[in-house]
Amino acid sequence: MLGRLGAPPTVATLEAVFTRWEEIAGRELSVHARPVRIDGRALVVMVDHPSWATRARMESGRILAAVNEAGEGSLDRLEVMVERT
């Protein structure tokens, strides 16, 4: 309930995202996408190319399910940003 009210993410969720990212995102995607922050119930990731943004968005359901399974089920949105070069 606290997560729905905008409470900070749990330690389990933070640990899942920031220490197990390759496992969560998958090897191929994790090379091109990295978690930046958790903003309320959204996981914000940065990708190195627009095509990887598309891929991350396509896999958002799987990524969020993996985070929520490993953590405590508090995220419901994936926001993707493309790095400017």
PDB file of N, CA and C in Angstrom:
ATOM      1  N   MET A   1       0.806  -1.184   0.000  1.00  0.00           N
ATOM      2  CA  MET A   1       0.000   0.000   0.000  1.00  0.00           C
ATOM      3  C   MET A   1       0.862   1.266   0.000  1.00  0.00           C
ATOM      4  N   LEU A   2       1.956   1.244   0.766  1.00  0.00           N
ATOM      5  CA  LEU A   2       2.818   2.430   0.808  1.00  0.00           C
ATOM      6  C   LEU A   2       3.381   2.769  -0.563  1.00  0.00           C
ATOM      7  N   GLY A   3       3.715   1.731  -1.363  1.00  0.00           N
ATOM      8  CA  GLY A   3       4.222   1.973  -2.699  1.00  0.00           C
ATOM      9  C   GLY A   3       3.228   2.722  -3.559  1.00  0.00           C
ATOM     10  N   ARG A   4       1.954   2.400  -3.416  1.00  0.00           N
ATOM     11  CA  ARG A   4       0.914   3.092  -4.189  1.00  0.00           C
ATOM     12  C   ARG A   4       0.768   4.542  -3.770  1.00  0.00           C
ATOM     13  N   LEU A   5       1.161   4.837  -2.548  1.00  0.00           N
ATOM     14  CA  LEU A   5       1.076   6.215  -2.064  1.00  0.00           C
ATOM     15  C   LEU A   5       2.337   7.022  -2.353  1.00  0.00           C
ATOM     16  N   GLY A   6       3.284   6.420  -3.051  1.00  0.00           N
ATOM     17  CA  GLY A   6       4.504   7.135  -3.402  1.00  0.00           C
ATOM     18  C   GLY A   6       5.638   6.957  -2.413  1.00  0.00           C
ATOM     19  N   ALA A   7       5.535   5.948  -1.543  1.00  0.00           N
ATOM     20  CA  ALA A   7       6.612   5.681  -0.587  1.00  0.00           C
ATOM     21  C   ALA A   7       7.852   5.214  -1.347  1.00  0.00           C
ATOM     22  N   PRO A   8       9.034   5.396  -0.770  1.00  0.00           N
ATOM     23  CA  PRO A   8      10.256   4.960  -1.428  1.00  0.00           C
ATOM     24  C   PRO A   8      10.240   3.446  -1.650  1.00  0.00           C
ATOM     25  N   PRO A   9      10.970   2.982  -2.654  1.00  0.00           N
ATOM     26  CA  PRO A   9      11.016   1.546  -2.918  1.00  0.00           C
ATOM     27  C   PRO A   9      11.649   0.799  -1.745  1.00  0.00           C
ATOM     28  N   THR A  10      11.296  -0.453  -1.634  1.00  0.00           N
ATOM     29  CA  THR A  10      11.853  -1.270  -0.561  1.00  0.00           C
ATOM     30  C   THR A  10      13.303  -1.614  -0.853  1.00  0.00           C
ATOM     31  N   VAL A  11      14.003  -2.029   0.174  1.00  0.00           N
ATOM     32  CA  VAL A  11      15.395  -2.456   0.019  1.00  0.00           C
ATOM     33  C   VAL A  11      15.479  -3.636  -0.945  1.00  0.00           C
ATOM     34  N   ALA A  12      14.529  -4.559  -0.865  1.00  0.00           N
ATOM     35  CA  ALA A  12      14.537  -5.725  -1.755  1.00  0.00           C
ATOM     36  C   ALA A  12      14.402  -5.304  -3.213  1.00  0.00           C
ATOM     37  N   THR A  13      13.554  -4.315  -3.476  1.00  0.00           N
ATOM     38  CA  THR A  13      13.384  -3.832  -4.851  1.00  0.00           C
ATOM     39  C   THR A  13      14.643  -3.133  -5.341  1.00  0.00           C
ATOM     40  N   LEU A  14      15.222  -2.286  -4.516  1.00  0.00           N
ATOM     41  CA  LEU A  14      16.472  -1.608  -4.886  1.00  0.00           C
ATOM     42  C   LEU A  14      17.570  -2.613  -5.163  1.00  0.00           C
ATOM     43  N   GLU A  15      17.695  -3.617  -4.302  1.00  0.00           N
ATOM     44  CA  GLU A  15      18.728  -4.651  -4.471  1.00  0.00           C
ATOM     45  C   GLU A  15      18.517  -5.390  -5.781  1.00  0.00           C
ATOM     46  N   ALA A  16      17.273  -5.758  -6.071  1.00  0.00           N
ATOM     47  CA  ALA A  16      16.983  -6.488  -7.304  1.00  0.00           C
ATOM     48  C   ALA A  16      17.372  -5.684  -8.532  1.00  0.00           C
ATOM     49  N   VAL A  17      17.006  -4.414  -8.533  1.00  0.00           N
ATOM     50  CA  VAL A  17      17.263  -3.571  -9.709  1.00  0.00           C
ATOM     51  C   VAL A  17      18.742  -3.273  -9.883  1.00  0.00           C
ATOM     52  N   PHE A  18      19.396  -2.840  -8.837  1.00  0.00           N
ATOM     53  CA  PHE A  18      20.743  -2.298  -8.992  1.00  0.00           C
ATOM     54  C   PHE A  18      21.874  -3.310  -8.811  1.00  0.00           C
ATOM     55  N   THR A  19      21.618  -4.467  -8.244  1.00  0.00           N
ATOM     56  CA  THR A  19      22.697  -5.455  -8.128  1.00  0.00           C
ATOM     57  C   THR A  19      22.458  -6.687  -8.988  1.00  0.00           C
ATOM     58  N   ARG A  20      21.234  -6.862  -9.470  1.00  0.00           N
ATOM     59  CA  ARG A  20      20.917  -8.045 -10.277  1.00  0.00           C
ATOM     60  C   ARG A  20      20.390  -7.649 -11.654  1.00  0.00           C
ATOM     61  N   TRP A  21      20.809  -6.484 -12.134  1.00  0.00           N
ATOM     62  CA  TRP A  21      20.263  -5.945 -13.380  1.00  0.00           C
ATOM     63  C   TRP A  21      20.437  -6.885 -14.559  1.00  0.00           C
ATOM     64  N   GLU A  22      21.611  -7.489 -14.732  1.00  0.00           N
ATOM     65  CA  GLU A  22      21.812  -8.384 -15.872  1.00  0.00           C
ATOM     66  C   GLU A  22      20.831  -9.549 -15.823  1.00  0.00           C
ATOM     67  N   GLU A  23      20.624 -10.090 -14.657  1.00  0.00           N
ATOM     68  CA  GLU A  23      19.666 -11.188 -14.482  1.00  0.00           C
ATOM     69  C   GLU A  23      18.237 -10.708 -14.769  1.00  0.00           C
ATOM     70  N   ILE A  24      17.898  -9.520 -14.314  1.00  0.00           N
ATOM     71  CA  ILE A  24      16.553  -8.964 -14.478  1.00  0.00           C
ATOM     72  C   ILE A  24      16.276  -8.623 -15.945  1.00  0.00           C
ATOM     73  N   ALA A  25      17.184  -7.890 -16.573  1.00  0.00           N
ATOM     74  CA  ALA A  25      16.957  -7.391 -17.937  1.00  0.00           C
ATOM     75  C   ALA A  25      17.339  -8.400 -19.011  1.00  0.00           C
ATOM     76  N   GLY A  26      18.222  -9.305 -18.675  1.00  0.00           N
ATOM     77  CA  GLY A  26      18.761 -10.214 -19.682  1.00  0.00           C
ATOM     78  C   GLY A  26      20.109  -9.698 -20.154  1.00  0.00           C
ATOM     79  N   ARG A  27      20.982 -10.609 -20.483  1.00  0.00           N
ATOM     80  CA  ARG A  27      22.364 -10.251 -20.834  1.00  0.00           C
ATOM     81  C   ARG A  27      22.440  -9.249 -21.976  1.00  0.00           C
ATOM     82  N   GLU A  28      21.738  -9.524 -23.061  1.00  0.00           N
ATOM     83  CA  GLU A  28      21.833  -8.665 -24.250  1.00  0.00           C
ATOM     84  C   GLU A  28      21.329  -7.248 -23.964  1.00  0.00           C
ATOM     85  N   LEU A  29      20.164  -7.128 -23.356  1.00  0.00           N
ATOM     86  CA  LEU A  29      19.605  -5.806 -23.078  1.00  0.00           C
ATOM     87  C   LEU A  29      20.421  -5.068 -22.026  1.00  0.00           C
ATOM     88  N   SER A  30      20.916  -5.771 -21.031  1.00  0.00           N
ATOM     89  CA  SER A  30      21.656  -5.110 -19.945  1.00  0.00           C
ATOM     90  C   SER A  30      22.943  -4.442 -20.412  1.00  0.00           C
ATOM     91  N   VAL A  31      23.467  -4.865 -21.546  1.00  0.00           N
ATOM     92  CA  VAL A  31      24.662  -4.232 -22.103  1.00  0.00           C
ATOM     93  C   VAL A  31      24.330  -2.825 -22.625  1.00  0.00           C
ATOM     94  N   HIS A  32      23.099  -2.622 -23.049  1.00  0.00           N
ATOM     95  CA  HIS A  32      22.691  -1.370 -23.678  1.00  0.00           C
ATOM     96  C   HIS A  32      21.738  -0.521 -22.832  1.00  0.00           C
ATOM     97  N   ALA A  33      21.275  -1.080 -21.737  1.00  0.00           N
ATOM     98  CA  ALA A  33      20.327  -0.373 -20.863  1.00  0.00           C
ATOM     99  C   ALA A  33      20.782  -0.521 -19.421  1.00  0.00           C
ATOM    100  N   ARG A  34      20.639   0.571 -18.660  1.00  0.00           N
ATOM    101  CA  ARG A  34      21.014   0.498 -17.249  1.00  0.00           C
ATOM    102  C   ARG A  34      19.976   1.221 -16.413  1.00  0.00           C
ATOM    103  N   PRO A  35      19.716   0.699 -15.226  1.00  0.00           N
ATOM    104  CA  PRO A  35      18.765   1.381 -14.361  1.00  0.00           C
ATOM    105  C   PRO A  35      19.369   2.679 -13.847  1.00  0.00           C
ATOM    106  N   VAL A  36      18.568   3.726 -13.789  1.00  0.00           N
ATOM    107  CA  VAL A  36      19.028   5.035 -13.340  1.00  0.00           C
ATOM    108  C   VAL A  36      18.449   5.360 -11.964  1.00  0.00           C
ATOM    109  N   ARG A  37      17.153   5.131 -11.814  1.00  0.00           N
ATOM    110  CA  ARG A  37      16.503   5.426 -10.542  1.00  0.00           C
ATOM    111  C   ARG A  37      15.126   4.771 -10.518  1.00  0.00           C
ATOM    112  N   ILE A  38      14.567   4.766  -9.334  1.00  0.00           N
ATOM    113  CA  ILE A  38      13.173   4.378  -9.165  1.00  0.00           C
ATOM    114  C   ILE A  38      12.439   5.630  -8.722  1.00  0.00           C
ATOM    115  N   ASP A  39      11.432   5.990  -9.475  1.00  0.00           N
ATOM    116  CA  ASP A  39      10.673   7.212  -9.238  1.00  0.00           C
ATOM    117  C   ASP A  39       9.230   6.820  -8.918  1.00  0.00           C
ATOM    118  N   GLY A  40       8.905   6.756  -7.646  1.00  0.00           N
ATOM    119  CA  GLY A  40       7.587   6.274  -7.247  1.00  0.00           C
ATOM    120  C   GLY A  40       7.439   4.815  -7.592  1.00  0.00           C
ATOM    121  N   ARG A  41       6.508   4.507  -8.489  1.00  0.00           N
ATOM    122  CA  ARG A  41       6.289   3.118  -8.917  1.00  0.00           C
ATOM    123  C   ARG A  41       6.888   2.848 -10.301  1.00  0.00           C
ATOM    124  N   ALA A  42       7.741   3.762 -10.777  1.00  0.00           N
ATOM    125  CA  ALA A  42       8.349   3.620 -12.103  1.00  0.00           C
ATOM    126  C   ALA A  42       9.836   3.327 -11.995  1.00  0.00           C
ATOM    127  N   LEU A  43      10.285   2.378 -12.789  1.00  0.00           N
ATOM    128  CA  LEU A  43      11.708   2.104 -12.948  1.00  0.00           C
ATOM    129  C   LEU A  43      12.168   2.901 -14.161  1.00  0.00           C
ATOM    130  N   VAL A  44      13.164   3.748 -13.972  1.00  0.00           N
ATOM    131  CA  VAL A  44      13.691   4.583 -15.050  1.00  0.00           C
ATOM    132  C   VAL A  44      15.006   3.976 -15.519  1.00  0.00           C
ATOM    133  N   VAL A  45      15.092   3.696 -16.821  1.00  0.00           N
ATOM    134  CA  VAL A  45      16.324   3.138 -17.392  1.00  0.00           C
ATOM    135  C   VAL A  45      16.836   4.044 -18.502  1.00  0.00           C
ATOM    136  N   MET A  46      18.153   4.021 -18.687  1.00  0.00           N
ATOM    137  CA  MET A  46      18.822   4.783 -19.733  1.00  0.00           C
ATOM    138  C   MET A  46      19.367   3.784 -20.745  1.00  0.00           C
ATOM    139  N   VAL A  47      19.120   4.047 -22.026  1.00  0.00           N
ATOM    140  CA  VAL A  47      19.638   3.189 -23.084  1.00  0.00           C
ATOM    141  C   VAL A  47      20.586   3.983 -23.972  1.00  0.00           C
ATOM    142  N   ASP A  48      21.429   3.267 -24.700  1.00  0.00           N
ATOM    143  CA  ASP A  48      22.453   3.937 -25.505  1.00  0.00           C
ATOM    144  C   ASP A  48      22.050   4.192 -26.962  1.00  0.00           C
ATOM    145  N   HIS A  49      20.843   3.776 -27.356  1.00  0.00           N
ATOM    146  CA  HIS A  49      20.411   3.970 -28.738  1.00  0.00           C
ATOM    147  C   HIS A  49      18.887   3.836 -28.790  1.00  0.00           C
ATOM    148  N   PRO A  50      18.220   4.587 -29.672  1.00  0.00           N
ATOM    149  CA  PRO A  50      16.763   4.503 -29.762  1.00  0.00           C
ATOM    150  C   PRO A  50      16.228   3.087 -30.023  1.00  0.00           C
ATOM    151  N   SER A  51      16.965   2.284 -30.770  1.00  0.00           N
ATOM    152  CA  SER A  51      16.482   0.927 -31.022  1.00  0.00           C
ATOM    153  C   SER A  51      16.415   0.107 -29.730  1.00  0.00           C
ATOM    154  N   TRP A  52      17.331   0.376 -28.795  1.00  0.00           N
ATOM    155  CA  TRP A  52      17.298  -0.318 -27.513  1.00  0.00           C
ATOM    156  C   TRP A  52      16.172   0.220 -26.641  1.00  0.00           C
ATOM    157  N   ALA A  53      15.765   1.454 -26.851  1.00  0.00           N
ATOM    158  CA  ALA A  53      14.604   1.991 -26.135  1.00  0.00           C
ATOM    159  C   ALA A  53      13.354   1.220 -26.558  1.00  0.00           C
ATOM    160  N   THR A  54      13.226   0.975 -27.846  1.00  0.00           N
ATOM    161  CA  THR A  54      12.103   0.197 -28.349  1.00  0.00           C
ATOM    162  C   THR A  54      12.110  -1.198 -27.755  1.00  0.00           C
ATOM    163  N   ARG A  55      13.262  -1.817 -27.749  1.00  0.00           N
ATOM    164  CA  ARG A  55      13.383  -3.176 -27.189  1.00  0.00           C
ATOM    165  C   ARG A  55      13.020  -3.191 -25.704  1.00  0.00           C
ATOM    166  N   ALA A  56      13.515  -2.215 -24.943  1.00  0.00           N
ATOM    167  CA  ALA A  56      13.220  -2.157 -23.504  1.00  0.00           C
ATOM    168  C   ALA A  56      11.719  -1.978 -23.285  1.00  0.00           C
ATOM    169  N   ARG A  57      11.096  -1.127 -24.088  1.00  0.00           N
ATOM    170  CA  ARG A  57       9.651  -0.918 -23.944  1.00  0.00           C
ATOM    171  C   ARG A  57       8.871  -2.184 -24.283  1.00  0.00           C
ATOM    172  N   MET A  58       9.328  -2.895 -25.307  1.00  0.00           N
ATOM    173  CA  MET A  58       8.674  -4.148 -25.684  1.00  0.00           C
ATOM    174  C   MET A  58       8.791  -5.188 -24.571  1.00  0.00           C
ATOM    175  N   GLU A  59       9.874  -5.160 -23.846  1.00  0.00           N
ATOM    176  CA  GLU A  59      10.112  -6.143 -22.787  1.00  0.00           C
ATOM    177  C   GLU A  59       9.745  -5.619 -21.403  1.00  0.00           C
ATOM    178  N   SER A  60       9.074  -4.478 -21.339  1.00  0.00           N
ATOM    179  CA  SER A  60       8.786  -3.864 -20.046  1.00  0.00           C
ATOM    180  C   SER A  60       7.975  -4.773 -19.129  1.00  0.00           C
ATOM    181  N   GLY A  61       7.010  -5.469 -19.660  1.00  0.00           N
ATOM    182  CA  GLY A  61       6.204  -6.368 -18.831  1.00  0.00           C
ATOM    183  C   GLY A  61       7.054  -7.446 -18.188  1.00  0.00           C
ATOM    184  N   ARG A  62       7.939  -8.050 -18.955  1.00  0.00           N
ATOM    185  CA  ARG A  62       8.813  -9.097 -18.435  1.00  0.00           C
ATOM    186  C   ARG A  62       9.785  -8.528 -17.415  1.00  0.00           C
ATOM    187  N   ILE A  63      10.354  -7.361 -17.706  1.00  0.00           N
ATOM    188  CA  ILE A  63      11.322  -6.737 -16.802  1.00  0.00           C
ATOM    189  C   ILE A  63      10.657  -6.389 -15.472  1.00  0.00           C
ATOM    190  N   LEU A  64       9.503  -5.763 -15.529  1.00  0.00           N
ATOM    191  CA  LEU A  64       8.806  -5.390 -14.298  1.00  0.00           C
ATOM    192  C   LEU A  64       8.383  -6.613 -13.503  1.00  0.00           C
ATOM    193  N   ALA A  65       7.944  -7.655 -14.188  1.00  0.00           N
ATOM    194  CA  ALA A  65       7.572  -8.893 -13.490  1.00  0.00           C
ATOM    195  C   ALA A  65       8.785  -9.477 -12.771  1.00  0.00           C
ATOM    196  N   ALA A  66       9.948  -9.464 -13.427  1.00  0.00           N
ATOM    197  CA  ALA A  66      11.165  -9.999 -12.813  1.00  0.00           C
ATOM    198  C   ALA A  66      11.580  -9.169 -11.603  1.00  0.00           C
ATOM    199  N   VAL A  67      11.493  -7.842 -11.716  1.00  0.00           N
ATOM    200  CA  VAL A  67      11.827  -6.970 -10.582  1.00  0.00           C
ATOM    201  C   VAL A  67      10.863  -7.224  -9.432  1.00  0.00           C
ATOM    202  N   ASN A  68       9.591  -7.279  -9.732  1.00  0.00           N
ATOM    203  CA  ASN A  68       8.590  -7.450  -8.689  1.00  0.00           C
ATOM    204  C   ASN A  68       8.678  -8.825  -8.030  1.00  0.00           C
ATOM    205  N   GLU A  69       9.055  -9.826  -8.790  1.00  0.00           N
ATOM    206  CA  GLU A  69       9.238 -11.157  -8.210  1.00  0.00           C
ATOM    207  C   GLU A  69      10.462 -11.185  -7.295  1.00  0.00           C
ATOM    208  N   ALA A  70      11.533 -10.551  -7.736  1.00  0.00           N
ATOM    209  CA  ALA A  70      12.764 -10.530  -6.941  1.00  0.00           C
ATOM    210  C   ALA A  70      12.661  -9.555  -5.768  1.00  0.00           C
ATOM    211  N   GLY A  71      11.891  -8.496  -5.946  1.00  0.00           N
ATOM    212  CA  GLY A  71      11.728  -7.494  -4.890  1.00  0.00           C
ATOM    213  C   GLY A  71      10.444  -7.752  -4.134  1.00  0.00           C
ATOM    214  N   GLU A  72       9.649  -6.712  -4.002  1.00  0.00           N
ATOM    215  CA  GLU A  72       8.403  -6.851  -3.252  1.00  0.00           C
ATOM    216  C   GLU A  72       7.196  -6.333  -4.030  1.00  0.00           C
ATOM    217  N   GLY A  73       7.261  -6.464  -5.358  1.00  0.00           N
ATOM    218  CA  GLY A  73       6.102  -6.164  -6.180  1.00  0.00           C
ATOM    219  C   GLY A  73       5.613  -4.733  -6.177  1.00  0.00           C
ATOM    220  N   SER A  74       6.506  -3.764  -6.164  1.00  0.00           N
ATOM    221  CA  SER A  74       6.065  -2.374  -6.016  1.00  0.00           C
ATOM    222  C   SER A  74       6.150  -1.533  -7.291  1.00  0.00           C
ATOM    223  N   LEU A  75       6.663  -2.068  -8.388  1.00  0.00           N
ATOM    224  CA  LEU A  75       6.817  -1.261  -9.608  1.00  0.00           C
ATOM    225  C   LEU A  75       5.769  -1.651 -10.644  1.00  0.00           C
ATOM    226  N   ASP A  76       5.223  -0.650 -11.347  1.00  0.00           N
ATOM    227  CA  ASP A  76       4.229  -0.952 -12.369  1.00  0.00           C
ATOM    228  C   ASP A  76       4.463  -0.216 -13.688  1.00  0.00           C
ATOM    229  N   ARG A  77       5.576   0.487 -13.805  1.00  0.00           N
ATOM    230  CA  ARG A  77       5.846   1.255 -15.030  1.00  0.00           C
ATOM    231  C   ARG A  77       7.348   1.300 -15.312  1.00  0.00           C
ATOM    232  N   LEU A  78       7.687   1.198 -16.579  1.00  0.00           N
ATOM    233  CA  LEU A  78       9.068   1.327 -17.023  1.00  0.00           C
ATOM    234  C   LEU A  78       9.159   2.578 -17.881  1.00  0.00           C
ATOM    235  N   GLU A  79      10.024   3.499 -17.499  1.00  0.00           N
ATOM    236  CA  GLU A  79      10.272   4.705 -18.300  1.00  0.00           C
ATOM    237  C   GLU A  79      11.656   4.573 -18.906  1.00  0.00           C
ATOM    238  N   VAL A  80      11.760   4.847 -20.193  1.00  0.00           N
ATOM    239  CA  VAL A  80      13.017   4.667 -20.909  1.00  0.00           C
ATOM    240  C   VAL A  80      13.492   6.007 -21.454  1.00  0.00           C
ATOM    241  N   MET A  81      14.764   6.309 -21.217  1.00  0.00           N
ATOM    242  CA  MET A  81      15.394   7.516 -21.738  1.00  0.00           C
ATOM    243  C   MET A  81      16.550   7.090 -22.626  1.00  0.00           C
ATOM    244  N   VAL A  82      16.800   7.867 -23.672  1.00  0.00           N
ATOM    245  CA  VAL A  82      17.924   7.614 -24.571  1.00  0.00           C
ATOM    246  C   VAL A  82      19.037   8.596 -24.248  1.00  0.00           C
ATOM    247  N   GLU A  83      20.250   8.072 -24.085  1.00  0.00           N
ATOM    248  CA  GLU A  83      21.408   8.948 -23.805  1.00  0.00           C
ATOM    249  C   GLU A  83      21.669   9.832 -25.010  1.00  0.00           C
ATOM    250  N   ARG A  84      21.969  11.071 -24.728  1.00  0.00           N
ATOM    251  CA  ARG A  84      22.373  11.992 -25.797  1.00  0.00           C
ATOM    252  C   ARG A  84      23.868  11.876 -25.981  1.00  0.00           C
ATOM    253  N   THR A  85      24.274  11.811 -27.238  1.00  0.00           N
ATOM    254  CA  THR A  85      25.713  11.698 -27.508  1.00  0.00           C
ATOM    255  C   THR A  85      26.232  12.918 -28.211  1.00  0.00           C
TER     256      THR A  85
END
